[in-house]
Amino acid sequence: MRFPAILLLPILLLATPSCYLGQATVDAPLDGQAIAQLEVGTSTANDVTRLLGAPNQVVELGTGSAWLYQAQNGKQMGIWLLIFGAFGQDTRSDRCWVFFNEAGTLTHVGTTLNADQAEYHLAGS
């Protein structure tokens, strides 16, 4: 029995190679130079707000508080070739925690700035 060539057309159309690139960001990247201006023991909550804006999250800690500043950058890539498909996603974040005592003076700063390092890649590459 011969396979009719016309039946191959829908299979070829459905199996057309394709690719996908996408990027998703959440909030603006954190400004490392602004964070560097913060001085433990000297900067106040008002100084932090002036330099970094409103925090994403505020946590009350007994008599003090902690503020979280955060931004994310994610990149996605996918490819479909006939019967093979691959997808990759890389999401990186900027995070800055600032801690204040009961007087509103900065006591600690913890920062990770990685959002700009997100890359396009396929799984396994």
Protein backbone atom coordinates (compact mmCIF):
# COMPACT_ATOMS: atom_id res chain seq x y z
CA MET A 1 0.00 0.00 0.00
CA ARG A 2 1.37 3.42 -1.01
CA PHE A 3 1.11 6.37 1.30
CA PRO A 4 -0.61 9.24 -0.57
CA ALA A 5 1.66 12.29 -0.80
CA ILE A 6 -1.27 14.62 -0.10
CA LEU A 7 -1.47 13.23 3.45
CA LEU A 8 2.09 14.46 4.12
CA LEU A 9 1.10 18.10 3.63
CA PRO A 10 -0.79 18.52 6.96
CA ILE A 11 2.02 16.75 8.81
CA LEU A 12 4.64 19.05 7.29
CA LEU A 13 2.56 22.14 8.01
CA LEU A 14 2.09 21.15 11.65
CA ALA A 15 5.75 20.29 12.04
CA THR A 16 7.07 23.58 10.67
CA PRO A 17 10.18 24.69 12.55
CA SER A 18 9.58 27.63 14.86
CA CYS A 19 11.25 29.50 17.67
CA TYR A 20 10.30 31.72 20.58
CA LEU A 21 12.16 34.45 22.46
CA GLY A 22 10.65 36.28 25.40
CA GLN A 23 11.65 38.57 28.22
CA ALA A 24 9.76 39.51 31.37
CA THR A 25 10.81 42.12 33.89
CA VAL A 26 9.29 42.95 37.26
CA ASP A 27 10.11 46.44 38.53
CA ALA A 28 13.09 48.55 37.48
CA PRO A 29 16.60 47.21 38.18
CA LEU A 30 18.08 48.37 41.47
CA ASP A 31 20.66 51.17 41.28
CA GLY A 32 23.95 49.90 42.71
CA GLN A 33 25.35 53.43 42.92
CA ALA A 34 22.38 54.59 45.00
CA ILE A 35 22.76 51.58 47.31
CA ALA A 36 26.48 52.39 47.71
CA GLN A 37 25.52 55.83 49.07
CA LEU A 38 23.77 54.25 52.07
CA GLU A 39 25.81 54.50 55.27
CA VAL A 40 25.19 52.13 58.15
CA GLY A 41 24.75 54.09 61.38
CA THR A 42 24.16 57.38 59.54
CA SER A 43 21.51 56.95 56.82
CA THR A 44 17.87 57.22 57.89
CA ALA A 45 14.69 55.68 56.53
CA ASN A 46 14.05 59.00 54.74
CA ASP A 47 17.49 58.80 53.07
CA VAL A 48 16.79 55.25 51.87
CA THR A 49 13.40 56.26 50.49
CA ARG A 50 14.93 59.25 48.70
CA LEU A 51 17.64 57.08 47.08
CA LEU A 52 15.72 53.87 46.37
CA GLY A 53 12.05 54.85 46.40
CA ALA A 54 9.29 52.89 48.09
CA PRO A 55 10.19 49.32 49.14
CA ASN A 56 8.46 46.25 47.73
CA GLN A 57 7.95 44.85 51.23
CA VAL A 58 8.22 46.06 54.84
CA VAL A 59 8.71 43.63 57.72
CA GLU A 60 8.34 44.76 61.33
CA LEU A 61 11.00 43.20 63.58
CA GLY A 62 10.22 43.95 67.21
CA THR A 63 11.44 47.51 67.66
CA GLY A 64 13.06 47.76 64.21
CA SER A 65 12.08 47.00 60.64
CA ALA A 66 13.44 45.53 57.41
CA TRP A 67 12.63 46.75 53.91
CA LEU A 68 12.98 44.68 50.77
CA TYR A 69 13.75 46.18 47.37
CA GLN A 70 13.48 43.69 44.52
CA ALA A 71 13.48 43.48 40.72
CA GLN A 72 13.47 40.47 38.38
CA ASN A 73 14.51 39.86 34.80
CA GLY A 74 13.60 36.62 33.05
CA LYS A 75 14.47 35.44 29.57
CA GLN A 76 12.86 32.51 27.79
CA MET A 77 13.77 30.72 24.58
CA GLY A 78 12.15 27.82 22.80
CA ILE A 79 12.63 25.99 19.51
CA TRP A 80 10.58 23.37 17.70
CA LEU A 81 12.10 21.29 14.90
CA LEU A 82 9.84 18.62 13.42
CA ILE A 83 9.43 16.24 16.37
CA PHE A 84 12.00 17.82 18.71
CA GLY A 85 11.28 20.72 21.03
CA ALA A 86 13.48 22.47 23.57
CA PHE A 87 12.82 25.29 26.01
CA GLY A 88 15.01 27.25 28.39
CA GLN A 89 14.33 29.92 30.97
CA ASP A 90 16.69 31.97 33.12
CA THR A 91 15.35 34.32 35.80
CA ARG A 92 17.69 36.51 37.85
CA SER A 93 16.89 39.00 40.60
CA ASP A 94 18.16 42.16 42.20
CA ARG A 95 17.50 42.18 45.95
CA CYS A 96 18.39 44.64 48.64
CA TRP A 97 17.39 44.28 52.28
CA VAL A 98 17.84 47.29 54.53
CA PHE A 99 17.40 47.06 58.30
CA PHE A 100 16.54 49.90 60.67
CA ASN A 101 16.60 50.24 64.44
CA GLU A 102 13.76 51.77 66.48
CA ALA A 103 15.07 55.31 65.75
CA GLY A 104 14.85 54.72 61.96
CA THR A 105 18.64 54.59 61.49
CA LEU A 106 20.12 52.10 59.03
CA THR A 107 21.82 49.17 60.80
CA HIS A 108 22.48 46.63 58.00
CA VAL A 109 22.36 46.39 54.20
CA GLY A 110 22.40 43.16 52.19
CA THR A 111 22.45 43.32 48.40
CA THR A 112 22.54 40.94 45.44
CA LEU A 113 22.47 42.48 41.96
CA ASN A 114 22.04 39.74 39.34
CA ALA A 115 19.01 40.75 37.24
CA ASP A 116 21.13 41.97 34.33
CA GLN A 117 22.82 38.54 34.10
CA ALA A 118 19.75 36.67 32.80
CA GLU A 119 20.55 34.91 29.51
CA TYR A 120 18.74 33.23 26.66
CA HIS A 121 19.54 29.52 26.52
CA LEU A 122 17.99 26.16 25.76
CA ALA A 123 17.76 23.44 28.39
CA GLY A 124 20.98 21.54 28.57
CA SER A 125 23.04 24.25 26.87
